[in-house]
């Protein structure tokens, strides 16, 4: 069921990938996704050091024997973390799937390829995906405008971006952004994707290591309850609507530099949201799909439900439409 180029190349049962989320992609969540047949992802930089990442990988291995990956997001910064050391920790721990995001991962590819590691790179445009394909990544995760976090600056939603990427690329494609149930999964596959990448939906599961109050807020929120910050700075990010994100948007509207809002968007404040459950403590990422998230299931329940309902959609509702048309003809 649901054998795609992605499942075949990456050795997973279902074409469902858990996105690498800061402060969220820990052993329990990643292992649960993999154990249920998807591909779980541990977020490297959530761990305070490369050695801590080794320990987190080892901990995940006590929870599942199935493959899982590691995310490494590389961003330009004055004082960058030791990215190469994090990668080495993952590879030396036996990780064979790495999800990269942010800057061009070209400088890491020779080391990863020499060690038999498959690379998924997250992109927000077809041109970036083509560049990723050209440098040798094995798959791309293409993020539509609906996604949480950074959707890029083109504002192209998945309904257009996914088929555009499918037309242009030869490597497997994961559709990301706005997908939270079987309907989104089937739609993505119909648009030409080989699988899906979900962040917000896995954020709102029992195994997600965030405070219950945040999960309750996601369930309560609608698709209208996000804000786009950093628009005027050319680094757009989609985050939950709260008093902090509203203040950021209002400050930007008056004209500002990053230093004027740094105190509002500090990562430590966002971490406090997830750990303490105070949804007004800082900015925190969530996608438009929160508008169709209505429960907090276990990961296994979620994946089983999605696979079952996707099968029903394909063999039932859609097949029935085709059959009805043929009967009329």
Protein backbone atom coordinates (compact mmCIF):
# COMPACT_ATOMS: atom_id res chain seq x y z
CA UNK A 1 0.00 0.00 0.00
CA UNK A 2 1.40 3.39 -1.04
CA UNK A 3 4.62 2.18 -2.59
CA UNK A 4 6.28 5.25 -4.08
CA UNK A 5 9.72 6.22 -5.28
CA UNK A 6 10.33 7.67 -1.84
CA UNK A 7 9.34 4.58 0.15
CA UNK A 8 11.43 2.39 -2.14
CA UNK A 9 14.52 4.62 -2.04
CA UNK A 10 14.40 5.35 1.71
CA UNK A 11 13.18 2.00 2.98
CA UNK A 12 10.04 3.10 4.82
CA UNK A 13 6.58 1.55 4.81
CA UNK A 14 4.50 4.68 4.26
CA UNK A 15 5.38 7.92 2.41
CA UNK A 16 4.91 9.98 5.56
CA UNK A 17 7.79 11.99 7.03
CA UNK A 18 7.89 13.91 10.30
CA UNK A 19 9.56 17.26 9.74
CA UNK A 20 12.57 18.26 11.78
CA UNK A 21 11.21 20.80 14.29
CA UNK A 22 13.31 22.81 16.72
CA UNK A 23 12.68 21.80 20.34
CA UNK A 24 10.25 19.12 19.11
CA UNK A 25 12.17 16.54 17.07
CA UNK A 26 13.32 14.38 19.96
CA UNK A 27 13.73 10.63 20.33
CA UNK A 28 10.19 9.81 21.50
CA UNK A 29 8.47 11.53 18.59
CA UNK A 30 10.91 10.41 15.89
CA UNK A 31 10.91 6.81 17.08
CA UNK A 32 7.11 6.73 17.27
CA UNK A 33 6.76 7.94 13.68
CA UNK A 34 9.25 5.38 12.40
CA UNK A 35 7.74 2.59 14.47
CA UNK A 36 4.33 3.37 12.94
CA UNK A 37 5.72 3.04 9.42
CA UNK A 38 6.72 6.60 8.57
CA UNK A 39 10.10 8.31 8.76
CA UNK A 40 10.83 10.05 12.04
CA UNK A 41 13.38 12.86 12.25
CA UNK A 42 15.50 13.94 15.23
CA UNK A 43 16.40 17.64 15.13
CA UNK A 44 20.16 17.89 15.62
CA UNK A 45 20.32 21.46 16.93
CA UNK A 46 17.68 20.81 19.59
CA UNK A 47 20.51 18.95 21.30
CA UNK A 48 23.03 21.20 23.08
CA UNK A 49 26.08 19.43 21.65
CA UNK A 50 27.12 16.75 19.14
CA UNK A 51 27.69 14.32 22.01
CA UNK A 52 24.15 14.98 23.24
CA UNK A 53 22.93 14.19 19.72
CA UNK A 54 24.74 10.84 19.89
CA UNK A 55 22.93 10.09 23.13
CA UNK A 56 19.57 11.11 21.66
CA UNK A 57 20.09 8.82 18.66
CA UNK A 58 21.01 5.97 20.99
CA UNK A 59 17.88 6.66 23.03
CA UNK A 60 15.71 6.53 19.91
CA UNK A 61 17.23 3.15 19.05
CA UNK A 62 15.91 1.77 22.31
CA UNK A 63 12.41 2.76 21.12
CA UNK A 64 12.47 1.50 17.52
CA UNK A 65 14.52 -0.74 15.27
CA UNK A 66 13.22 1.01 12.15
CA UNK A 67 15.12 3.70 10.24
CA UNK A 68 14.89 7.32 11.31
CA UNK A 69 16.76 10.41 10.19
CA UNK A 70 18.40 13.54 11.56
CA UNK A 71 17.63 17.12 10.55
CA UNK A 72 20.35 19.76 10.32
CA UNK A 73 19.26 23.31 9.57
CA UNK A 74 22.17 25.50 8.47
CA UNK A 75 21.64 29.23 8.80
CA UNK A 76 24.01 32.18 8.36
CA UNK A 77 24.93 33.48 11.79
CA UNK A 78 27.74 35.34 13.48
CA UNK A 79 28.49 32.47 15.85
CA UNK A 80 27.42 29.26 14.06
CA UNK A 81 27.13 25.94 15.86
CA UNK A 82 29.62 23.20 14.86
CA UNK A 83 27.53 21.87 11.97
CA UNK A 84 30.19 19.44 10.75
CA UNK A 85 30.53 17.93 14.21
CA UNK A 86 26.77 17.41 14.45
CA UNK A 87 26.81 15.66 11.07
CA UNK A 88 29.73 13.51 12.12
CA UNK A 89 27.91 12.54 15.31
CA UNK A 90 24.89 11.45 13.28
CA UNK A 91 26.87 9.50 10.69
CA UNK A 92 29.12 7.81 13.24
CA UNK A 93 25.96 6.81 15.12
CA UNK A 94 24.77 4.93 12.04
CA UNK A 95 22.25 7.43 10.69
CA UNK A 96 21.73 6.88 6.95
CA UNK A 97 19.15 9.62 6.26
CA UNK A 98 19.85 13.32 6.78
CA UNK A 99 17.35 16.13 6.20
CA UNK A 100 19.08 19.44 5.48
CA UNK A 101 17.43 22.86 5.46
CA UNK A 102 18.45 26.46 5.18
CA UNK A 103 21.70 27.14 3.33
CA UNK A 104 23.07 25.14 0.40
CA UNK A 105 24.26 21.75 1.74
CA UNK A 106 26.81 21.20 -1.05
CA UNK A 107 29.85 21.33 1.24
CA UNK A 108 28.47 18.47 3.34
CA UNK A 109 27.51 16.15 0.49
CA UNK A 110 30.90 14.53 -0.25
CA UNK A 111 31.21 13.37 3.37
CA UNK A 112 27.61 12.19 3.51
CA UNK A 113 27.77 10.38 0.17
CA UNK A 114 31.08 8.72 1.07
CA UNK A 115 29.31 7.28 4.12
CA UNK A 116 26.25 6.02 2.26
CA UNK A 117 23.90 8.67 3.63
CA UNK A 118 20.80 9.71 1.67
CA UNK A 119 19.99 13.42 1.80
CA UNK A 120 16.62 15.17 1.74
CA UNK A 121 16.85 18.93 1.28
CA UNK A 122 14.01 21.30 2.16
CA UNK A 123 13.19 23.89 -0.51
CA UNK A 124 10.57 26.61 -0.91
CA UNK A 125 10.79 27.04 -4.68
CA UNK A 126 11.32 25.04 -7.85
CA UNK A 127 14.54 26.90 -8.63
CA UNK A 128 16.01 25.95 -5.27
CA UNK A 129 14.85 22.36 -5.72
CA UNK A 130 16.54 22.18 -9.11
CA UNK A 131 19.77 23.45 -7.56
CA UNK A 132 19.50 20.82 -4.83
CA UNK A 133 18.99 18.12 -7.45
CA UNK A 134 21.97 19.38 -9.42
CA UNK A 135 24.34 19.13 -6.44
CA UNK A 136 23.25 15.56 -5.78
CA UNK A 137 20.65 15.33 -3.03
CA UNK A 138 18.47 12.23 -3.12
CA UNK A 139 15.09 13.89 -2.55
CA UNK A 140 13.60 17.30 -1.85
CA UNK A 141 10.90 18.40 0.55
CA UNK A 142 9.06 21.22 -1.20
CA UNK A 143 7.44 23.69 1.23
CA UNK A 144 4.31 25.50 0.11
CA UNK A 145 3.24 28.89 1.41
CA UNK A 146 0.90 27.19 3.90
CA UNK A 147 3.78 25.76 5.94
CA UNK A 148 4.95 26.69 9.41
CA UNK A 149 8.35 28.28 9.77
CA UNK A 150 9.95 29.82 6.70
CA UNK A 151 7.86 29.53 3.50
CA UNK A 152 10.24 31.61 1.38
CA UNK A 153 9.37 34.88 -0.32
CA UNK A 154 7.48 33.69 -3.41
CA UNK A 155 4.14 32.98 -1.67
CA UNK A 156 3.34 29.97 -3.87
CA UNK A 157 0.89 27.52 -2.27
CA UNK A 158 1.24 23.77 -2.57
CA UNK A 159 -1.57 23.36 -5.10
CA UNK A 160 0.69 25.04 -7.66
CA UNK A 161 4.16 24.48 -6.20
CA UNK A 162 3.94 20.67 -5.92
CA UNK A 163 2.97 19.95 -9.56
CA UNK A 164 5.40 22.60 -10.76
CA UNK A 165 8.18 20.81 -8.89
CA UNK A 166 7.00 17.41 -10.11
CA UNK A 167 7.17 18.63 -13.71
CA UNK A 168 10.69 19.98 -13.27
CA UNK A 169 12.46 17.40 -11.09
CA UNK A 170 13.63 13.85 -11.57
CA UNK A 171 14.30 12.94 -7.93
CA UNK A 172 11.57 12.06 -5.39
CA UNK A 173 9.54 14.93 -3.95
CA UNK A 174 7.95 15.29 -0.52
CA UNK A 175 5.04 17.73 -0.31
CA UNK A 176 5.18 19.91 2.77
CA UNK A 177 2.88 22.59 4.14
CA UNK A 178 -0.84 22.46 4.82
CA UNK A 179 -1.07 18.66 5.11
CA UNK A 180 -2.64 17.23 8.25
CA UNK A 181 -4.87 14.35 7.18
CA UNK A 182 -5.55 11.69 4.54
CA UNK A 183 -7.17 14.21 2.20
CA UNK A 184 -3.99 16.25 2.04
CA UNK A 185 -1.91 13.12 1.59
CA UNK A 186 -3.98 11.87 -1.34
CA UNK A 187 -4.03 15.34 -2.89
CA UNK A 188 -0.24 15.61 -2.64
CA UNK A 189 0.26 12.23 -4.29
CA UNK A 190 -2.20 13.20 -7.03
CA UNK A 191 -0.26 16.43 -7.63
CA UNK A 192 2.91 14.44 -8.29
CA UNK A 193 4.58 14.14 -4.90
CA UNK A 194 6.15 10.86 -3.79
CA UNK A 195 5.33 11.43 -0.14
CA UNK A 196 4.43 14.05 2.45
CA UNK A 197 6.27 15.89 5.19
CA UNK A 198 4.19 16.97 8.21
CA UNK A 199 5.29 19.22 11.05
CA UNK A 200 2.29 20.86 12.71
CA UNK A 201 0.22 17.67 12.66
CA UNK A 202 2.94 15.70 14.45
CA UNK A 203 3.42 18.65 16.80
CA UNK A 204 -0.09 17.91 18.03
CA UNK A 205 0.28 14.23 19.00
CA UNK A 206 0.65 12.45 22.33
CA UNK A 207 4.36 11.76 21.78
CA UNK A 208 5.18 15.34 20.85
CA UNK A 209 7.35 16.66 23.73
CA UNK A 210 5.62 20.03 24.01
CA UNK A 211 3.30 21.22 26.75
CA UNK A 212 -0.32 20.05 26.65
CA UNK A 213 -1.49 23.67 26.71
CA UNK A 214 0.13 24.30 23.32
CA UNK A 215 -1.53 21.25 21.82
CA UNK A 216 -4.89 22.44 23.16
CA UNK A 217 -4.27 25.84 21.59
CA UNK A 218 -3.53 24.28 18.19
CA UNK A 219 -6.79 22.31 18.35
CA UNK A 220 -8.69 25.47 19.33
CA UNK A 221 -7.10 27.65 16.63
CA UNK A 222 -8.43 28.11 13.11
CA UNK A 223 -6.60 28.55 9.83
CA UNK A 224 -6.80 32.29 10.46
CA UNK A 225 -4.70 32.15 13.61
CA UNK A 226 -1.19 32.58 12.22
CA UNK A 227 0.93 35.63 11.51
CA UNK A 228 3.65 36.24 8.94
CA UNK A 229 6.60 37.94 10.60
CA UNK A 230 9.91 39.18 9.18
CA UNK A 231 8.16 40.04 5.88
CA UNK A 232 9.78 43.47 5.72
CA UNK A 233 13.18 41.88 6.46
CA UNK A 234 13.01 39.42 3.57
CA UNK A 235 12.95 36.38 5.87
CA UNK A 236 9.26 35.58 6.18
CA UNK A 237 8.21 33.16 8.92
CA UNK A 238 4.75 31.79 9.71
CA UNK A 239 4.05 31.59 13.44
CA UNK A 240 1.04 31.30 15.73
CA UNK A 241 -1.05 34.41 16.25
CA UNK A 242 -0.56 35.73 19.78
CA UNK A 243 0.23 39.02 21.47
CA UNK A 244 3.92 38.72 20.65
CA UNK A 245 3.56 37.99 16.94
CA UNK A 246 0.95 40.75 16.61
CA UNK A 247 3.41 43.19 18.19
CA UNK A 248 6.15 42.08 15.79
CA UNK A 249 3.91 42.65 12.76
CA UNK A 250 2.80 46.06 14.06
CA UNK A 251 6.41 47.09 14.71
CA UNK A 252 7.44 46.01 11.22
CA UNK A 253 4.59 47.99 9.70
CA UNK A 254 6.07 51.16 11.22
CA UNK A 255 9.51 50.34 9.79
CA UNK A 256 12.17 48.64 11.84
CA UNK A 257 15.46 46.80 11.89
CA UNK A 258 15.89 43.31 13.31
CA UNK A 259 17.44 44.75 16.46
CA UNK A 260 14.13 46.50 17.18
CA UNK A 261 12.30 43.18 17.49
CA UNK A 262 15.09 40.86 18.60
CA UNK A 263 13.82 40.82 22.19
CA UNK A 264 10.39 39.69 20.99
CA UNK A 265 11.52 36.84 18.73
CA UNK A 266 14.32 35.35 20.83
CA UNK A 267 14.50 31.58 20.51
CA UNK A 268 14.59 31.17 24.28
CA UNK A 269 11.11 32.67 24.49
CA UNK A 270 9.78 30.22 21.89
CA UNK A 271 11.33 27.34 23.76
CA UNK A 272 9.57 28.55 26.91
CA UNK A 273 6.25 28.28 25.06
CA UNK A 274 6.80 24.63 24.26
CA UNK A 275 8.25 23.68 27.62
CA UNK A 276 6.06 25.70 30.01
CA UNK A 277 2.85 25.88 28.00
CA UNK A 278 2.55 29.67 28.11
CA UNK A 279 1.35 30.33 24.53
CA UNK A 280 1.93 34.08 24.98
CA UNK A 281 5.56 33.77 26.12
CA UNK A 282 7.08 34.15 22.66
CA UNK A 283 6.70 33.30 19.00
CA UNK A 284 6.16 29.67 18.03
CA UNK A 285 5.77 28.02 14.66
CA UNK A 286 2.58 26.41 13.41
CA UNK A 287 1.08 26.09 9.95
CA UNK A 288 -2.26 26.95 8.41
CA UNK A 289 -3.27 23.30 8.75
CA UNK A 290 -3.99 23.89 12.44
CA UNK A 291 -7.44 24.83 11.17
CA UNK A 292 -8.10 21.14 10.39
CA UNK A 293 -6.35 19.66 13.44
CA UNK A 294 -9.08 18.68 15.88
CA UNK A 295 -7.53 16.12 18.22
CA UNK A 296 -4.34 14.94 19.90
CA UNK A 297 -3.95 11.29 18.89
CA UNK A 298 -0.99 9.02 19.39
CA UNK A 299 1.38 8.91 16.42
CA UNK A 300 0.36 5.32 15.66
CA UNK A 301 -3.34 6.28 15.70
CA UNK A 302 -2.68 9.23 13.41
CA UNK A 303 -0.68 7.31 10.83
CA UNK A 304 -3.04 4.30 10.86
CA UNK A 305 -5.98 6.65 10.39
CA UNK A 306 -4.34 8.54 7.55
CA UNK A 307 -3.36 5.39 5.68
CA UNK A 308 -6.79 3.81 6.14
CA UNK A 309 -8.70 6.92 5.14
CA UNK A 310 -6.40 7.58 2.18
CA UNK A 311 -7.11 4.08 0.91
CA UNK A 312 -10.85 4.68 1.30
CA UNK A 313 -10.61 7.97 -0.61
CA UNK A 314 -8.68 6.42 -3.48
CA UNK A 315 -10.57 3.13 -3.82
CA UNK A 316 -13.93 4.49 -2.73
CA UNK A 317 -14.83 8.11 -3.36
CA UNK A 318 -12.45 8.79 -6.25
CA UNK A 319 -12.87 5.40 -7.89
CA UNK A 320 -16.62 5.82 -7.58
CA UNK A 321 -16.46 9.12 -9.43
CA UNK A 322 -14.60 7.55 -12.32
CA UNK A 323 -16.98 4.61 -12.39
CA UNK A 324 -20.02 6.88 -12.35
CA UNK A 325 -18.68 8.86 -15.28
CA UNK A 326 -18.00 5.71 -17.30
CA UNK A 327 -21.53 4.45 -16.58
CA UNK A 328 -23.06 7.69 -17.86
CA UNK A 329 -20.91 7.56 -20.98
